[in-house]
Structures are given as C-alpha cells and as structure tokens.
N, C-alpha and C. Protein backbone atom coordinates (compact mmCIF):
# COMPACT_ATOMS: atom_id res chain seq x y z
N MET A 1 -34.12 21.30 -103.38
CA MET A 1 -34.46 22.86 -102.92
C MET A 1 -35.06 22.28 -101.82
N ILE A 2 -36.07 20.67 -101.72
CA ILE A 2 -36.38 20.47 -100.48
C ILE A 2 -36.17 21.55 -98.63
N VAL A 3 -35.26 20.98 -99.18
CA VAL A 3 -33.70 21.27 -97.50
C VAL A 3 -34.14 23.10 -97.60
N LEU A 4 -34.50 23.48 -98.69
CA LEU A 4 -34.06 25.26 -98.04
C LEU A 4 -35.02 25.71 -98.13
N ALA A 5 -36.11 24.84 -98.85
CA ALA A 5 -37.41 25.69 -98.27
C ALA A 5 -37.41 24.96 -96.68
N ALA A 6 -37.30 24.12 -97.17
CA ALA A 6 -38.14 23.64 -95.08
C ALA A 6 -36.77 24.44 -93.70
N LEU A 7 -35.31 24.91 -94.73
CA LEU A 7 -34.83 25.18 -93.62
C LEU A 7 -35.75 27.68 -93.49
N VAL A 8 -35.89 27.55 -94.31
CA VAL A 8 -36.75 28.83 -94.33
C VAL A 8 -38.27 28.26 -93.78
N LEU A 9 -37.71 27.57 -93.83
CA LEU A 9 -40.59 27.33 -93.37
C LEU A 9 -39.53 27.33 -91.89
N GLY A 10 -38.31 26.72 -91.62
CA GLY A 10 -37.59 26.49 -90.87
C GLY A 10 -37.68 27.64 -89.42
N ALA A 11 -37.78 28.43 -89.91
CA ALA A 11 -36.79 29.83 -89.23
C ALA A 11 -38.30 30.82 -89.17
N LEU A 12 -38.83 30.82 -89.85
CA LEU A 12 -40.27 31.50 -89.29
C LEU A 12 -40.35 30.95 -88.71
N ALA A 13 -41.31 29.06 -88.31
CA ALA A 13 -41.99 29.28 -87.20
C ALA A 13 -41.64 28.62 -86.37
N GLY A 14 -39.73 28.79 -85.93
CA GLY A 14 -39.33 29.27 -84.74
C GLY A 14 -39.96 30.60 -84.27
N PHE A 15 -39.44 32.07 -85.67
CA PHE A 15 -39.74 32.83 -85.06
C PHE A 15 -41.77 33.75 -84.71
N ALA A 16 -42.05 32.53 -84.63
CA ALA A 16 -43.33 32.43 -84.52
C ALA A 16 -43.35 31.65 -82.80
N HIS A 17 -42.83 30.59 -82.76
CA HIS A 17 -43.05 30.23 -81.43
C HIS A 17 -42.40 31.52 -80.56
N ALA A 18 -41.01 31.95 -81.02
CA ALA A 18 -40.95 33.36 -79.69
C ALA A 18 -41.55 33.85 -79.40
N SER A 19 -42.59 34.40 -80.98
CA SER A 19 -42.62 34.89 -80.06
C SER A 19 -44.03 35.14 -79.38
N ARG A 20 -44.36 34.50 -79.72
CA ARG A 20 -46.65 33.49 -79.00
C ARG A 20 -45.41 33.32 -77.45
N ARG A 21 -44.71 33.42 -77.25
CA ARG A 21 -43.63 32.91 -75.96
C ARG A 21 -43.66 34.14 -75.30
N LYS A 22 -43.49 35.78 -76.30
CA LYS A 22 -42.99 37.35 -75.92
C LYS A 22 -42.18 36.16 -75.54
N GLY A 23 -40.25 36.06 -76.27
CA GLY A 23 -39.02 35.99 -75.75
C GLY A 23 -38.47 37.23 -76.91
N ASN A 24 -36.94 37.77 -76.07
CA ASN A 24 -36.78 39.26 -76.01
C ASN A 24 -35.79 38.44 -78.18
N ALA A 25 -35.22 39.19 -78.60
CA ALA A 25 -34.23 39.14 -79.42
C ALA A 25 -33.80 37.88 -80.11
N LEU A 26 -32.63 37.54 -78.34
CA LEU A 26 -32.34 37.05 -79.51
C LEU A 26 -33.34 35.23 -78.54
N ASP A 27 -33.41 35.47 -77.37
CA ASP A 27 -34.88 34.70 -78.25
C ASP A 27 -35.13 33.78 -78.88
N LYS A 28 -35.50 34.69 -79.91
CA LYS A 28 -36.17 34.45 -81.72
C LYS A 28 -35.53 34.50 -82.10
N LEU A 29 -33.59 34.56 -81.95
CA LEU A 29 -32.96 33.82 -82.69
C LEU A 29 -32.89 33.25 -82.95
N GLN A 30 -32.57 31.93 -81.46
CA GLN A 30 -31.99 31.09 -81.62
C GLN A 30 -33.34 30.44 -81.53
N TYR A 31 -34.13 30.97 -81.51
CA TYR A 31 -35.97 29.54 -81.61
C TYR A 31 -35.66 28.97 -83.60
N MET A 32 -34.85 30.66 -84.22
CA MET A 32 -34.93 30.64 -85.52
C MET A 32 -34.07 29.66 -86.37
N ALA A 33 -32.46 29.60 -85.33
CA ALA A 33 -31.48 28.28 -85.71
C ALA A 33 -32.41 26.91 -85.98
N VAL A 34 -32.40 27.18 -84.35
CA VAL A 34 -32.88 25.38 -83.93
C VAL A 34 -33.44 25.06 -85.03
N TYR A 35 -35.11 26.10 -84.82
CA TYR A 35 -36.15 25.60 -85.84
C TYR A 35 -35.44 24.94 -87.44
N ALA A 36 -35.36 25.97 -87.52
CA ALA A 36 -34.41 25.91 -88.74
C ALA A 36 -33.19 24.54 -89.36
N LEU A 37 -32.57 24.03 -88.10
CA LEU A 37 -31.29 22.90 -89.11
C LEU A 37 -32.75 21.17 -88.39
N LEU A 38 -33.15 21.67 -87.86
CA LEU A 38 -34.84 20.88 -87.24
C LEU A 38 -34.96 21.41 -88.58
N PHE A 39 -35.48 21.63 -89.36
CA PHE A 39 -36.38 21.34 -90.42
C PHE A 39 -35.65 21.18 -91.49
N ALA A 40 -34.32 21.93 -92.22
CA ALA A 40 -33.07 21.74 -92.20
C ALA A 40 -33.15 19.88 -92.66
N LEU A 41 -33.14 18.88 -91.31
CA LEU A 41 -32.61 18.10 -90.91
C LEU A 41 -33.58 16.48 -91.81
N ILE A 42 -35.28 17.03 -91.20
CA ILE A 42 -35.94 16.53 -91.71
C ILE A 42 -36.16 16.73 -93.58
N GLY A 43 -36.15 17.25 -94.05
CA GLY A 43 -35.78 18.30 -96.04
C GLY A 43 -35.23 17.73 -96.44
N LEU A 44 -33.84 16.99 -95.35
CA LEU A 44 -32.63 16.55 -96.25
C LEU A 44 -33.06 14.53 -96.16
N PHE A 45 -33.44 14.64 -95.09
CA PHE A 45 -33.69 12.80 -95.43
C PHE A 45 -35.21 13.13 -96.50
N ALA A 46 -36.48 13.95 -95.98
CA ALA A 46 -37.43 13.65 -97.53
C ALA A 46 -36.57 13.42 -98.43
N THR A 47 -35.76 14.46 -99.14
CA THR A 47 -34.39 14.23 -100.43
C THR A 47 -33.61 13.31 -101.07
N ILE A 48 -33.88 12.94 -99.86
CA ILE A 48 -33.22 11.51 -99.82
C ILE A 48 -34.15 10.49 -100.03
N GLY A 49 -34.93 10.48 -99.64
CA GLY A 49 -36.31 9.86 -99.90
C GLY A 49 -37.04 9.60 -100.88
N LEU A 50 -37.11 10.87 -100.69
CA LEU A 50 -37.51 11.11 -102.60
C LEU A 50 -36.22 9.76 -103.79
N GLU A 51 -35.51 11.00 -103.70
CA GLU A 51 -34.46 10.69 -104.59
C GLU A 51 -34.05 9.01 -104.73
N LYS A 52 -34.35 7.68 -103.72
CA LYS A 52 -34.36 6.83 -104.00
C LYS A 52 -34.95 5.91 -104.42
N VAL A 53 -36.76 7.20 -103.90
CA VAL A 53 -37.68 6.03 -104.62
C VAL A 53 -38.38 6.30 -106.74
N LEU A 54 -37.67 7.30 -106.71
CA LEU A 54 -38.46 7.83 -107.59
C LEU A 54 -37.12 7.30 -108.09
C-alpha cells in the first residue's frame, strides 16, 4: 500500500516539477514517470523496513 501511495505522490510531484520548469506535455510525462519510479522504490524500501521492524 505504501508503494502505491508513493507512486501516485511521485507522479504528482514530477508533474508539479515539470510544470514549474514550463515543460511541454512530453517533459511532464517523463518527469512523472521518473519521479513515480523513484518514489515507488523508496516506498518499497520503507515497506520492507516496516515489515522487518514490526
């Protein structure tokens, strides 16, 4: 669940970042994809860490 939430949050953050930089539609898609992957990976590690602790 953390992974999916992080993926969506990452996509939104990527869109916001590309919009601030005045990127076109393809720039926004690329930033959304990269940020979504990075946030999902961080969420995956967070999930694994929480499972080990709890």
